PDB file of all heavy atoms in Angstrom:
ATOM      1  N   LYS A   1      16.454 -46.041  35.235  1.00  0.00           N
ATOM      2  CA  LYS A   1      17.694 -46.135  34.512  1.00  0.00           C
ATOM      3  C   LYS A   1      17.538 -46.513  33.039  1.00  0.00           C
ATOM      4  O   LYS A   1      16.570 -47.260  32.719  1.00  0.00           O
ATOM      5  CB  LYS A   1      18.614 -47.285  35.146  1.00  0.00           C
ATOM      6  CG  LYS A   1      19.264 -47.026  36.489  1.00  0.00           C
ATOM      7  CD  LYS A   1      20.132 -47.989  36.960  1.00  0.00           C
ATOM      8  CE  LYS A   1      20.844 -47.579  38.244  1.00  0.00           C
ATOM      9  NZ  LYS A   1      21.839 -48.470  38.668  1.00  0.00           N
ATOM     10  N   LEU A   2      18.392 -45.953  32.220  1.00  0.00           N
ATOM     11  CA  LEU A   2      18.355 -46.267  30.745  1.00  0.00           C
ATOM     12  C   LEU A   2      19.786 -46.531  30.410  1.00  0.00           C
ATOM     13  O   LEU A   2      20.785 -46.123  30.993  1.00  0.00           O
ATOM     14  CB  LEU A   2      17.938 -44.987  29.897  1.00  0.00           C
ATOM     15  CG  LEU A   2      16.498 -44.555  30.182  1.00  0.00           C
ATOM     16  CD1 LEU A   2      16.392 -43.165  29.599  1.00  0.00           C
ATOM     17  CD2 LEU A   2      15.491 -45.452  29.623  1.00  0.00           C
ATOM     18  N   LYS A   3      19.902 -47.425  29.312  1.00  0.00           N
ATOM     19  CA  LYS A   3      21.242 -47.693  28.632  1.00  0.00           C
ATOM     20  C   LYS A   3      21.250 -46.878  27.433  1.00  0.00           C
ATOM     21  O   LYS A   3      20.355 -46.982  26.546  1.00  0.00           O
ATOM     22  CB  LYS A   3      21.390 -49.213  28.401  1.00  0.00           C
ATOM     23  CG  LYS A   3      21.648 -49.980  29.583  1.00  0.00           C
ATOM     24  CD  LYS A   3      23.079 -50.173  29.782  1.00  0.00           C
ATOM     25  CE  LYS A   3      23.415 -51.259  30.818  1.00  0.00           C
ATOM     26  NZ  LYS A   3      24.820 -51.460  31.011  1.00  0.00           N
ATOM     27  N   ILE A   4      22.355 -46.202  27.205  1.00  0.00           N
ATOM     28  CA  ILE A   4      22.580 -45.457  25.925  1.00  0.00           C
ATOM     29  C   ILE A   4      23.906 -45.800  25.279  1.00  0.00           C
ATOM     30  O   ILE A   4      24.874 -45.890  25.993  1.00  0.00           O
ATOM     31  CB  ILE A   4      22.396 -43.946  26.111  1.00  0.00           C
ATOM     32  CG1 ILE A   4      23.523 -43.328  27.120  1.00  0.00           C
ATOM     33  CG2 ILE A   4      21.100 -43.581  26.604  1.00  0.00           C
ATOM     34  CD1 ILE A   4      23.601 -41.960  27.175  1.00  0.00           C
ATOM     35  N   THR A   5      23.872 -46.149  24.117  1.00  0.00           N
ATOM     36  CA  THR A   5      25.108 -46.463  23.311  1.00  0.00           C
ATOM     37  C   THR A   5      25.209 -45.923  21.931  1.00  0.00           C
ATOM     38  O   THR A   5      24.115 -45.418  21.396  1.00  0.00           O
ATOM     39  CB  THR A   5      25.231 -47.970  23.194  1.00  0.00           C
ATOM     40  OG1 THR A   5      24.073 -48.561  22.493  1.00  0.00           O
ATOM     41  CG2 THR A   5      25.362 -48.679  24.506  1.00  0.00           C
ATOM     42  N   ASP A   6      26.472 -45.789  21.384  1.00  0.00           N
ATOM     43  CA  ASP A   6      26.590 -45.318  20.051  1.00  0.00           C
ATOM     44  C   ASP A   6      27.670 -46.098  19.424  1.00  0.00           C
ATOM     45  O   ASP A   6      28.611 -46.397  20.002  1.00  0.00           O
ATOM     46  CB  ASP A   6      26.928 -43.828  19.991  1.00  0.00           C
ATOM     47  CG  ASP A   6      26.837 -43.256  18.556  1.00  0.00           C
ATOM     48  OD1 ASP A   6      25.690 -43.128  17.961  1.00  0.00           O
ATOM     49  OD2 ASP A   6      27.966 -43.058  18.014  1.00  0.00           O
ATOM     50  N   ASP A   7      27.451 -46.510  18.085  1.00  0.00           N
ATOM     51  CA  ASP A   7      28.384 -47.473  17.506  1.00  0.00           C
ATOM     52  C   ASP A   7      29.661 -46.865  16.913  1.00  0.00           C
ATOM     53  O   ASP A   7      30.513 -47.634  16.621  1.00  0.00           O
ATOM     54  CB  ASP A   7      27.577 -48.204  16.400  1.00  0.00           C
ATOM     55  CG  ASP A   7      27.309 -47.392  15.113  1.00  0.00           C
ATOM     56  OD1 ASP A   7      27.089 -46.062  15.362  1.00  0.00           O
ATOM     57  OD2 ASP A   7      27.344 -47.922  13.986  1.00  0.00           O
ATOM     58  N   LEU A   8      29.663 -45.531  16.762  1.00  0.00           N
ATOM     59  CA  LEU A   8      30.862 -45.015  16.009  1.00  0.00           C
ATOM     60  C   LEU A   8      31.457 -43.690  16.596  1.00  0.00           C
ATOM     61  O   LEU A   8      32.447 -43.621  17.352  1.00  0.00           O
ATOM     62  CB  LEU A   8      30.554 -44.816  14.583  1.00  0.00           C
ATOM     63  CG  LEU A   8      31.794 -44.581  13.624  1.00  0.00           C
ATOM     64  CD1 LEU A   8      32.835 -45.515  13.825  1.00  0.00           C
ATOM     65  CD2 LEU A   8      31.273 -44.473  12.213  1.00  0.00           C
ATOM     66  N   SER A   9      30.790 -42.631  16.338  1.00  0.00           N
ATOM     67  CA  SER A   9      31.304 -41.231  16.743  1.00  0.00           C
ATOM     68  C   SER A   9      31.118 -40.971  18.229  1.00  0.00           C
ATOM     69  O   SER A   9      31.835 -40.073  18.781  1.00  0.00           O
ATOM     70  CB  SER A   9      30.636 -40.128  15.939  1.00  0.00           C
ATOM     71  OG  SER A   9      29.242 -40.016  16.200  1.00  0.00           O
ATOM     72  N   GLY A  10      30.285 -41.669  18.938  1.00  0.00           N
ATOM     73  CA  GLY A  10      30.080 -41.425  20.391  1.00  0.00           C
ATOM     74  C   GLY A  10      29.030 -40.474  20.804  1.00  0.00           C
ATOM     75  O   GLY A  10      28.631 -39.598  19.901  1.00  0.00           O
ATOM     76  N   ILE A  11      28.559 -40.585  22.035  1.00  0.00           N
ATOM     77  CA  ILE A  11      27.583 -39.744  22.572  1.00  0.00           C
ATOM     78  C   ILE A  11      28.073 -38.352  22.888  1.00  0.00           C
ATOM     79  O   ILE A  11      29.079 -38.080  23.367  1.00  0.00           O
ATOM     80  CB  ILE A  11      27.003 -40.302  23.914  1.00  0.00           C
ATOM     81  CG1 ILE A  11      26.626 -41.747  23.805  1.00  0.00           C
ATOM     82  CG2 ILE A  11      26.029 -39.342  24.603  1.00  0.00           C
ATOM     83  CD1 ILE A  11      25.408 -41.944  23.029  1.00  0.00           C
ATOM     84  N   ASN A  12      27.200 -37.442  22.385  1.00  0.00           N
ATOM     85  CA  ASN A  12      27.581 -36.007  22.455  1.00  0.00           C
ATOM     86  C   ASN A  12      26.807 -35.302  23.513  1.00  0.00           C
ATOM     87  O   ASN A  12      27.201 -34.712  24.585  1.00  0.00           O
ATOM     88  CB  ASN A  12      27.489 -35.212  21.144  1.00  0.00           C
ATOM     89  CG  ASN A  12      27.944 -33.790  21.311  1.00  0.00           C
ATOM     90  OD1 ASN A  12      28.765 -33.457  22.207  1.00  0.00           O
ATOM     91  ND2 ASN A  12      27.473 -32.993  20.471  1.00  0.00           N
ATOM     92  N   THR A  13      25.354 -35.348  23.345  1.00  0.00           N
ATOM     93  CA  THR A  13      24.478 -34.710  24.336  1.00  0.00           C
ATOM     94  C   THR A  13      23.341 -35.616  24.698  1.00  0.00           C
ATOM     95  O   THR A  13      23.019 -36.627  23.864  1.00  0.00           O
ATOM     96  CB  THR A  13      24.042 -33.400  23.794  1.00  0.00           C
ATOM     97  OG1 THR A  13      23.251 -33.687  22.523  1.00  0.00           O
ATOM     98  CG2 THR A  13      25.126 -32.437  23.510  1.00  0.00           C
ATOM     99  N   TYR A  14      22.706 -35.397  25.687  1.00  0.00           N
ATOM    100  CA  TYR A  14      21.376 -36.044  25.963  1.00  0.00           C
ATOM    101  C   TYR A  14      20.448 -35.054  26.828  1.00  0.00           C
ATOM    102  O   TYR A  14      20.956 -34.125  27.392  1.00  0.00           O
ATOM    103  CB  TYR A  14      21.575 -37.358  26.807  1.00  0.00           C
ATOM    104  CG  TYR A  14      22.157 -37.051  28.205  1.00  0.00           C
ATOM    105  CD1 TYR A  14      21.265 -36.952  29.271  1.00  0.00           C
ATOM    106  CD2 TYR A  14      23.546 -37.102  28.384  1.00  0.00           C
ATOM    107  CE1 TYR A  14      21.761 -36.755  30.626  1.00  0.00           C
ATOM    108  CE2 TYR A  14      23.980 -36.838  29.676  1.00  0.00           C
ATOM    109  CZ  TYR A  14      23.187 -36.676  30.825  1.00  0.00           C
ATOM    110  OH  TYR A  14      23.670 -36.500  32.044  1.00  0.00           O
ATOM    111  N   ARG A  15      19.221 -35.269  26.720  1.00  0.00           N
ATOM    112  CA  ARG A  15      18.186 -34.476  27.429  1.00  0.00           C
ATOM    113  C   ARG A  15      17.046 -35.279  27.781  1.00  0.00           C
ATOM    114  O   ARG A  15      16.442 -36.032  27.011  1.00  0.00           O
ATOM    115  CB  ARG A  15      17.816 -33.245  26.672  1.00  0.00           C
ATOM    116  CG  ARG A  15      16.720 -32.359  27.226  1.00  0.00           C
ATOM    117  CD  ARG A  15      16.319 -31.159  26.327  1.00  0.00           C
ATOM    118  NE  ARG A  15      15.233 -30.416  26.912  1.00  0.00           N
ATOM    119  CZ  ARG A  15      15.415 -29.408  27.904  1.00  0.00           C
ATOM    120  NH1 ARG A  15      16.652 -29.153  28.300  1.00  0.00           N
ATOM    121  NH2 ARG A  15      14.421 -28.781  28.379  1.00  0.00           N
ATOM    122  N   ALA A  16      16.543 -35.185  29.052  1.00  0.00           N
ATOM    123  CA  ALA A  16      15.473 -36.032  29.494  1.00  0.00           C
ATOM    124  C   ALA A  16      14.452 -35.146  30.186  1.00  0.00           C
ATOM    125  O   ALA A  16      14.759 -34.221  30.834  1.00  0.00           O
ATOM    126  CB  ALA A  16      15.993 -37.105  30.490  1.00  0.00           C
ATOM    127  N   THR A  17      13.187 -35.492  30.015  1.00  0.00           N
ATOM    128  CA  THR A  17      12.059 -34.687  30.642  1.00  0.00           C
ATOM    129  C   THR A  17      10.906 -35.804  31.135  1.00  0.00           C
ATOM    130  O   THR A  17      10.896 -36.803  30.448  1.00  0.00           O
ATOM    131  CB  THR A  17      11.377 -33.676  29.672  1.00  0.00           C
ATOM    132  OG1 THR A  17      10.866 -34.418  28.600  1.00  0.00           O
ATOM    133  CG2 THR A  17      12.389 -32.679  29.126  1.00  0.00           C
ATOM    134  N   ILE A  18      10.250 -35.320  32.127  1.00  0.00           N
ATOM    135  CA  ILE A  18       9.097 -36.122  32.611  1.00  0.00           C
ATOM    136  C   ILE A  18       8.001 -35.028  32.582  1.00  0.00           C
ATOM    137  O   ILE A  18       8.047 -34.044  33.209  1.00  0.00           O
ATOM    138  CB  ILE A  18       9.164 -36.683  33.998  1.00  0.00           C
ATOM    139  CG1 ILE A  18      10.314 -37.829  33.973  1.00  0.00           C
ATOM    140  CG2 ILE A  18       7.862 -37.168  34.476  1.00  0.00           C
ATOM    141  CD1 ILE A  18      10.574 -38.420  35.374  1.00  0.00           C
ATOM    142  N   ASN A  19       6.959 -35.372  31.753  1.00  0.00           N
ATOM    143  CA  ASN A  19       5.748 -34.418  31.642  1.00  0.00           C
ATOM    144  C   ASN A  19       6.221 -33.107  31.123  1.00  0.00           C
ATOM    145  O   ASN A  19       5.736 -32.058  31.510  1.00  0.00           O
ATOM    146  CB  ASN A  19       4.956 -34.290  32.842  1.00  0.00           C
ATOM    147  CG  ASN A  19       4.490 -35.684  33.326  1.00  0.00           C
ATOM    148  OD1 ASN A  19       4.416 -36.672  32.668  1.00  0.00           O
ATOM    149  ND2 ASN A  19       4.201 -35.750  34.727  1.00  0.00           N
ATOM    150  N   GLY A  20       7.275 -33.162  30.241  1.00  0.00           N
ATOM    151  CA  GLY A  20       7.811 -31.814  29.660  1.00  0.00           C
ATOM    152  C   GLY A  20       8.699 -31.078  30.617  1.00  0.00           C
ATOM    153  O   GLY A  20       9.327 -30.029  30.203  1.00  0.00           O
ATOM    154  N   LYS A  21       8.928 -31.601  31.777  1.00  0.00           N
ATOM    155  CA  LYS A  21       9.896 -30.844  32.743  1.00  0.00           C
ATOM    156  C   LYS A  21      11.215 -31.613  32.787  1.00  0.00           C
ATOM    157  O   LYS A  21      11.322 -32.692  32.886  1.00  0.00           O
ATOM    158  CB  LYS A  21       9.250 -30.879  34.099  1.00  0.00           C
ATOM    159  CG  LYS A  21      10.085 -30.041  35.145  1.00  0.00           C
ATOM    160  CD  LYS A  21       9.396 -30.018  36.534  1.00  0.00           C
ATOM    161  CE  LYS A  21      10.231 -29.304  37.598  1.00  0.00           C
ATOM    162  NZ  LYS A  21      10.210 -27.846  37.209  1.00  0.00           N
ATOM    163  N   TRP A  22      12.298 -30.809  32.601  1.00  0.00           N
ATOM    164  CA  TRP A  22      13.680 -31.294  32.556  1.00  0.00           C
ATOM    165  C   TRP A  22      13.948 -32.005  33.877  1.00  0.00           C
ATOM    166  O   TRP A  22      13.677 -31.587  34.920  1.00  0.00           O
ATOM    167  CB  TRP A  22      14.728 -30.143  32.385  1.00  0.00           C
ATOM    168  CG  TRP A  22      16.121 -30.656  32.164  1.00  0.00           C
ATOM    169  CD1 TRP A  22      16.690 -31.029  31.058  1.00  0.00           C
ATOM    170  CD2 TRP A  22      17.022 -30.838  33.163  1.00  0.00           C
ATOM    171  NE1 TRP A  22      18.039 -31.425  31.183  1.00  0.00           N
ATOM    172  CE2 TRP A  22      18.267 -31.305  32.547  1.00  0.00           C
ATOM    173  CE3 TRP A  22      17.113 -30.581  34.560  1.00  0.00           C
ATOM    174  CZ2 TRP A  22      19.461 -31.524  33.284  1.00  0.00           C
ATOM    175  CZ3 TRP A  22      18.303 -30.876  35.325  1.00  0.00           C
ATOM    176  CH2 TRP A  22      19.376 -31.429  34.677  1.00  0.00           C
ATOM    177  N   ILE A  23      14.606 -33.252  33.787  1.00  0.00           N
ATOM    178  CA  ILE A  23      15.074 -33.905  34.952  1.00  0.00           C
ATOM    179  C   ILE A  23      16.554 -34.228  34.902  1.00  0.00           C
ATOM    180  O   ILE A  23      17.142 -34.235  33.797  1.00  0.00           O
ATOM    181  CB  ILE A  23      14.337 -35.324  35.027  1.00  0.00           C
ATOM    182  CG1 ILE A  23      14.585 -36.130  33.868  1.00  0.00           C
ATOM    183  CG2 ILE A  23      12.800 -35.069  35.276  1.00  0.00           C
ATOM    184  CD1 ILE A  23      14.054 -37.548  33.927  1.00  0.00           C
ATOM    185  N   LEU A  24      17.132 -34.347  35.991  1.00  0.00           N
ATOM    186  CA  LEU A  24      18.558 -34.577  36.044  1.00  0.00           C
ATOM    187  C   LEU A  24      18.827 -36.045  36.016  1.00  0.00           C
ATOM    188  O   LEU A  24      18.654 -36.765  36.785  1.00  0.00           O
ATOM    189  CB  LEU A  24      19.091 -33.988  37.463  1.00  0.00           C
ATOM    190  CG  LEU A  24      20.552 -34.324  37.818  1.00  0.00           C
ATOM    191  CD1 LEU A  24      21.427 -33.683  36.822  1.00  0.00           C
ATOM    192  CD2 LEU A  24      20.872 -33.896  39.214  1.00  0.00           C
ATOM    193  N   MET A  25      19.470 -36.479  34.892  1.00  0.00           N
ATOM    194  CA  MET A  25      19.937 -37.847  34.787  1.00  0.00           C
ATOM    195  C   MET A  25      21.475 -37.917  34.766  1.00  0.00           C
ATOM    196  O   MET A  25      22.092 -37.160  34.023  1.00  0.00           O
ATOM    197  CB  MET A  25      19.383 -38.477  33.382  1.00  0.00           C
ATOM    198  CG  MET A  25      17.875 -38.489  33.392  1.00  0.00           C
ATOM    199  SD  MET A  25      17.201 -39.759  32.204  1.00  0.00           S
ATOM    200  CE  MET A  25      17.386 -41.304  33.193  1.00  0.00           C
ATOM    201  N   GLU A  26      22.064 -38.666  35.632  1.00  0.00           N
ATOM    202  CA  GLU A  26      23.488 -38.743  35.754  1.00  0.00           C
ATOM    203  C   GLU A  26      24.014 -39.858  34.695  1.00  0.00           C
ATOM    204  O   GLU A  26      23.475 -40.919  34.633  1.00  0.00           O
ATOM    205  CB  GLU A  26      23.877 -39.270  37.141  1.00  0.00           C
ATOM    206  CG  GLU A  26      23.460 -38.266  38.124  1.00  0.00           C
ATOM    207  CD  GLU A  26      24.095 -38.500  39.474  1.00  0.00           C
ATOM    208  OE1 GLU A  26      25.000 -39.368  39.636  1.00  0.00           O
ATOM    209  OE2 GLU A  26      23.858 -37.741  40.412  1.00  0.00           O
ATOM    210  N   TYR A  27      24.958 -39.313  33.912  1.00  0.00           N
ATOM    211  CA  TYR A  27      25.584 -40.124  32.842  1.00  0.00           C
ATOM    212  C   TYR A  27      26.833 -40.935  33.307  1.00  0.00           C
ATOM    213  O   TYR A  27      27.654 -40.214  33.860  1.00  0.00           O
ATOM    214  CB  TYR A  27      25.864 -39.251  31.635  1.00  0.00           C
ATOM    215  CG  TYR A  27      26.542 -39.992  30.416  1.00  0.00           C
ATOM    216  CD1 TYR A  27      26.123 -41.353  30.148  1.00  0.00           C
ATOM    217  CD2 TYR A  27      27.379 -39.429  29.628  1.00  0.00           C
ATOM    218  CE1 TYR A  27      26.732 -41.996  29.072  1.00  0.00           C
ATOM    219  CE2 TYR A  27      27.985 -40.049  28.608  1.00  0.00           C
ATOM    220  CZ  TYR A  27      27.603 -41.281  28.238  1.00  0.00           C
ATOM    221  OH  TYR A  27      28.217 -41.972  27.322  1.00  0.00           O
ATOM    222  N   GLU A  28      26.876 -42.198  33.309  1.00  0.00           N
ATOM    223  CA  GLU A  28      28.124 -42.977  33.565  1.00  0.00           C
ATOM    224  C   GLU A  28      28.477 -43.759  32.412  1.00  0.00           C
ATOM    225  O   GLU A  28      27.991 -44.742  32.058  1.00  0.00           O
ATOM    226  CB  GLU A  28      27.675 -43.914  34.778  1.00  0.00           C
ATOM    227  CG  GLU A  28      28.842 -44.818  35.170  1.00  0.00           C
ATOM    228  CD  GLU A  28      30.175 -44.166  35.333  1.00  0.00           C
ATOM    229  OE1 GLU A  28      30.225 -43.455  36.432  1.00  0.00           O
ATOM    230  OE2 GLU A  28      30.963 -44.146  34.415  1.00  0.00           O
ATOM    231  N   PRO A  29      29.495 -43.217  31.696  1.00  0.00           N
ATOM    232  CA  PRO A  29      29.990 -43.713  30.507  1.00  0.00           C
ATOM    233  C   PRO A  29      30.570 -45.171  30.618  1.00  0.00           C
ATOM    234  O   PRO A  29      30.568 -45.961  29.696  1.00  0.00           O
ATOM    235  CB  PRO A  29      31.123 -42.776  30.006  1.00  0.00           C
ATOM    236  CG  PRO A  29      30.874 -41.573  30.661  1.00  0.00           C
ATOM    237  CD  PRO A  29      30.249 -41.918  32.054  1.00  0.00           C
ATOM    238  N   LYS A  30      31.045 -45.506  31.734  1.00  0.00           N
ATOM    239  CA  LYS A  30      31.702 -46.831  32.078  1.00  0.00           C
ATOM    240  C   LYS A  30      30.730 -47.932  31.854  1.00  0.00           C
ATOM    241  O   LYS A  30      31.047 -49.141  31.404  1.00  0.00           O
ATOM    242  CB  LYS A  30      32.421 -46.875  33.329  1.00  0.00           C
ATOM    243  CG  LYS A  30      33.618 -46.155  33.472  1.00  0.00           C
ATOM    244  CD  LYS A  30      34.405 -46.492  34.762  1.00  0.00           C
ATOM    245  CE  LYS A  30      33.753 -45.988  36.006  1.00  0.00           C
ATOM    246  NZ  LYS A  30      33.709 -44.543  36.106  1.00  0.00           N
ATOM    247  N   ASN A  31      29.430 -47.688  32.151  1.00  0.00           N
ATOM    248  CA  ASN A  31      28.434 -48.772  31.988  1.00  0.00           C
ATOM    249  C   ASN A  31      27.211 -48.268  31.002  1.00  0.00           C
ATOM    250  O   ASN A  31      26.192 -48.823  31.038  1.00  0.00           O
ATOM    251  CB  ASN A  31      27.847 -49.339  33.299  1.00  0.00           C
ATOM    252  CG  ASN A  31      27.403 -48.184  34.178  1.00  0.00           C
ATOM    253  OD1 ASN A  31      26.967 -47.122  33.750  1.00  0.00           O
ATOM    254  ND2 ASN A  31      27.338 -48.402  35.516  1.00  0.00           N
ATOM    255  N   ASN A  32      27.508 -47.072  30.468  1.00  0.00           N
ATOM    256  CA  ASN A  32      26.549 -46.562  29.490  1.00  0.00           C
ATOM    257  C   ASN A  32      25.144 -46.311  30.027  1.00  0.00           C
ATOM    258  O   ASN A  32      24.165 -46.576  29.389  1.00  0.00           O
ATOM    259  CB  ASN A  32      26.427 -47.513  28.188  1.00  0.00           C
ATOM    260  CG  ASN A  32      27.779 -47.707  27.510  1.00  0.00           C
ATOM    261  OD1 ASN A  32      28.435 -46.901  27.297  1.00  0.00           O
ATOM    262  ND2 ASN A  32      28.137 -49.024  27.258  1.00  0.00           N
ATOM    263  N   THR A  33      25.094 -45.832  31.224  1.00  0.00           N
ATOM    264  CA  THR A  33      23.735 -45.653  31.880  1.00  0.00           C
ATOM    265  C   THR A  33      23.393 -44.228  32.158  1.00  0.00           C
ATOM    266  O   THR A  33      24.302 -43.314  32.338  1.00  0.00           O
ATOM    267  CB  THR A  33      23.765 -46.395  33.198  1.00  0.00           C
ATOM    268  OG1 THR A  33      24.724 -45.910  34.137  1.00  0.00           O
ATOM    269  CG2 THR A  33      23.851 -47.870  33.159  1.00  0.00           C
ATOM    270  N   LEU A  34      22.184 -43.912  31.986  1.00  0.00           N
ATOM    271  CA  LEU A  34      21.527 -42.577  32.484  1.00  0.00           C
ATOM    272  C   LEU A  34      20.716 -43.021  33.606  1.00  0.00           C
ATOM    273  O   LEU A  34      19.848 -43.868  33.580  1.00  0.00           O
ATOM    274  CB  LEU A  34      20.813 -41.988  31.379  1.00  0.00           C
ATOM    275  CG  LEU A  34      21.446 -41.409  30.232  1.00  0.00           C
ATOM    276  CD1 LEU A  34      20.400 -40.813  29.119  1.00  0.00           C
ATOM    277  CD2 LEU A  34      22.384 -40.230  30.633  1.00  0.00           C
ATOM    278  N   THR A  35      20.839 -42.248  34.868  1.00  0.00           N
ATOM    279  CA  THR A  35      20.121 -42.629  36.045  1.00  0.00           C
ATOM    280  C   THR A  35      19.388 -41.383  36.564  1.00  0.00           C
ATOM    281  O   THR A  35      20.008 -40.356  36.777  1.00  0.00           O
ATOM    282  CB  THR A  35      21.118 -43.199  37.131  1.00  0.00           C
ATOM    283  OG1 THR A  35      21.750 -44.331  36.588  1.00  0.00           O
ATOM    284  CG2 THR A  35      20.231 -43.596  38.326  1.00  0.00           C
ATOM    285  N   TYR A  36      18.133 -41.502  36.847  1.00  0.00           N
ATOM    286  CA  TYR A  36      17.273 -40.471  37.422  1.00  0.00           C
ATOM    287  C   TYR A  36      16.891 -40.898  38.881  1.00  0.00           C
ATOM    288  O   TYR A  36      16.435 -42.011  38.944  1.00  0.00           O
ATOM    289  CB  TYR A  36      16.058 -40.170  36.582  1.00  0.00           C
ATOM    290  CG  TYR A  36      15.058 -39.226  37.290  1.00  0.00           C
ATOM    291  CD1 TYR A  36      15.358 -37.938  37.584  1.00  0.00           C
ATOM    292  CD2 TYR A  36      13.892 -39.723  37.778  1.00  0.00           C
ATOM    293  CE1 TYR A  36      14.497 -37.111  38.244  1.00  0.00           C
ATOM    294  CE2 TYR A  36      12.897 -38.898  38.390  1.00  0.00           C
ATOM    295  CZ  TYR A  36      13.327 -37.548  38.667  1.00  0.00           C
ATOM    296  OH  TYR A  36      12.348 -36.782  39.302  1.00  0.00           O
ATOM    297  N   ASN A  37      17.027 -39.999  39.825  1.00  0.00           N
ATOM    298  CA  ASN A  37      16.765 -40.281  41.240  1.00  0.00           C
ATOM    299  C   ASN A  37      15.324 -39.648  41.477  1.00  0.00           C
ATOM    300  O   ASN A  37      15.186 -38.468  41.341  1.00  0.00           O
ATOM    301  CB  ASN A  37      17.684 -39.686  42.127  1.00  0.00           C
ATOM    302  CG  ASN A  37      17.470 -40.001  43.666  1.00  0.00           C
ATOM    303  OD1 ASN A  37      16.337 -40.232  43.940  1.00  0.00           O
ATOM    304  ND2 ASN A  37      18.482 -39.953  44.485  1.00  0.00           N
ATOM    305  N   PHE A  38      14.370 -40.478  41.811  1.00  0.00           N
ATOM    306  CA  PHE A  38      12.969 -40.044  41.904  1.00  0.00           C
ATOM    307  C   PHE A  38      12.839 -39.002  43.091  1.00  0.00           C
ATOM    308  O   PHE A  38      11.772 -38.315  43.123  1.00  0.00           O
ATOM    309  CB  PHE A  38      11.977 -41.298  42.219  1.00  0.00           C
ATOM    310  CG  PHE A  38      11.580 -41.873  40.877  1.00  0.00           C
ATOM    311  CD1 PHE A  38      11.990 -43.229  40.670  1.00  0.00           C
ATOM    312  CD2 PHE A  38      10.807 -41.312  40.005  1.00  0.00           C
ATOM    313  CE1 PHE A  38      11.490 -43.856  39.517  1.00  0.00           C
ATOM    314  CE2 PHE A  38      10.457 -41.868  38.803  1.00  0.00           C
ATOM    315  CZ  PHE A  38      10.804 -43.233  38.618  1.00  0.00           C
ATOM    316  N   ASN A  39      13.805 -38.997  44.001  1.00  0.00           N
ATOM    317  CA  ASN A  39      13.686 -37.999  45.084  1.00  0.00           C
ATOM    318  C   ASN A  39      13.990 -36.553  44.612  1.00  0.00           C
ATOM    319  O   ASN A  39      13.770 -35.595  45.354  1.00  0.00           O
ATOM    320  CB  ASN A  39      14.597 -38.399  46.132  1.00  0.00           C
ATOM    321  CG  ASN A  39      14.125 -39.615  46.994  1.00  0.00           C
ATOM    322  OD1 ASN A  39      13.022 -39.821  47.059  1.00  0.00           O
ATOM    323  ND2 ASN A  39      15.188 -40.354  47.450  1.00  0.00           N
ATOM    324  N   ASP A  40      14.442 -36.318  43.353  1.00  0.00           N
ATOM    325  CA  ASP A  40      14.771 -35.071  42.843  1.00  0.00           C
ATOM    326  C   ASP A  40      13.731 -34.115  42.734  1.00  0.00           C
ATOM    327  O   ASP A  40      13.696 -32.989  43.156  1.00  0.00           O
ATOM    328  CB  ASP A  40      15.501 -35.246  41.538  1.00  0.00           C
ATOM    329  CG  ASP A  40      17.153 -35.438  41.622  1.00  0.00           C
ATOM    330  OD1 ASP A  40      17.545 -35.284  42.797  1.00  0.00           O
ATOM    331  OD2 ASP A  40      17.712 -35.516  40.702  1.00  0.00           O
ATOM    332  N   LEU A  41      12.607 -34.652  42.177  1.00  0.00           N
ATOM    333  CA  LEU A  41      11.354 -33.842  41.880  1.00  0.00           C
ATOM    334  C   LEU A  41      10.167 -34.520  42.383  1.00  0.00           C
ATOM    335  O   LEU A  41      10.123 -35.712  42.365  1.00  0.00           O
ATOM    336  CB  LEU A  41      11.265 -33.512  40.439  1.00  0.00           C
ATOM    337  CG  LEU A  41      12.347 -32.646  39.786  1.00  0.00           C
ATOM    338  CD1 LEU A  41      12.078 -32.562  38.234  1.00  0.00           C
ATOM    339  CD2 LEU A  41      12.394 -31.279  40.372  1.00  0.00           C
ATOM    340  N   ARG A  42       9.107 -33.726  42.732  1.00  0.00           N
ATOM    341  CA  ARG A  42       7.897 -34.371  43.140  1.00  0.00           C
ATOM    342  C   ARG A  42       6.796 -34.163  41.992  1.00  0.00           C
ATOM    343  O   ARG A  42       6.632 -33.205  41.531  1.00  0.00           O
ATOM    344  CB  ARG A  42       7.340 -33.594  44.358  1.00  0.00           C
ATOM    345  CG  ARG A  42       8.205 -33.601  45.625  1.00  0.00           C
ATOM    346  CD  ARG A  42       8.198 -35.108  46.177  1.00  0.00           C
ATOM    347  NE  ARG A  42       8.941 -35.178  47.390  1.00  0.00           N
ATOM    348  CZ  ARG A  42       9.210 -36.304  48.061  1.00  0.00           C
ATOM    349  NH1 ARG A  42       8.696 -37.382  47.585  1.00  0.00           N
ATOM    350  NH2 ARG A  42      10.010 -36.327  49.073  1.00  0.00           N
ATOM    351  N   PHE A  43       6.351 -35.313  41.657  1.00  0.00           N
ATOM    352  CA  PHE A  43       5.243 -35.306  40.565  1.00  0.00           C
ATOM    353  C   PHE A  43       3.952 -35.854  41.230  1.00  0.00           C
ATOM    354  O   PHE A  43       3.953 -36.662  42.147  1.00  0.00           O
ATOM    355  CB  PHE A  43       5.628 -36.263  39.458  1.00  0.00           C
ATOM    356  CG  PHE A  43       6.778 -35.615  38.618  1.00  0.00           C
ATOM    357  CD1 PHE A  43       8.115 -36.207  38.800  1.00  0.00           C
ATOM    358  CD2 PHE A  43       6.611 -34.772  37.633  1.00  0.00           C
ATOM    359  CE1 PHE A  43       9.058 -35.705  38.063  1.00  0.00           C
ATOM    360  CE2 PHE A  43       7.682 -34.336  36.824  1.00  0.00           C
ATOM    361  CZ  PHE A  43       8.928 -34.763  37.092  1.00  0.00           C
ATOM    362  N   GLU A  44       2.790 -35.367  40.677  1.00  0.00           N
ATOM    363  CA  GLU A  44       1.576 -35.904  41.219  1.00  0.00           C
ATOM    364  C   GLU A  44       1.407 -37.402  40.913  1.00  0.00           C
ATOM    365  O   GLU A  44       1.967 -37.947  39.976  1.00  0.00           O
ATOM    366  CB  GLU A  44       0.442 -35.147  40.561  1.00  0.00           C
ATOM    367  CG  GLU A  44       0.333 -33.632  40.999  1.00  0.00           C
ATOM    368  CD  GLU A  44      -0.880 -32.958  40.325  1.00  0.00           C
ATOM    369  OE1 GLU A  44      -1.647 -33.693  39.665  1.00  0.00           O
ATOM    370  OE2 GLU A  44      -0.991 -31.744  40.610  1.00  0.00           O
TER     371      GLU A  44
END
């Protein structure tokens, strides 16, 4: 989990990768979190 905030104009986009591979992070504006489920992808 990550916390993301912006002080004025607000969040527009986000992009997350692990080892250069795009991962699905769910954005919840009510608590300003990005959450990644480790079950989504298999990494060595």
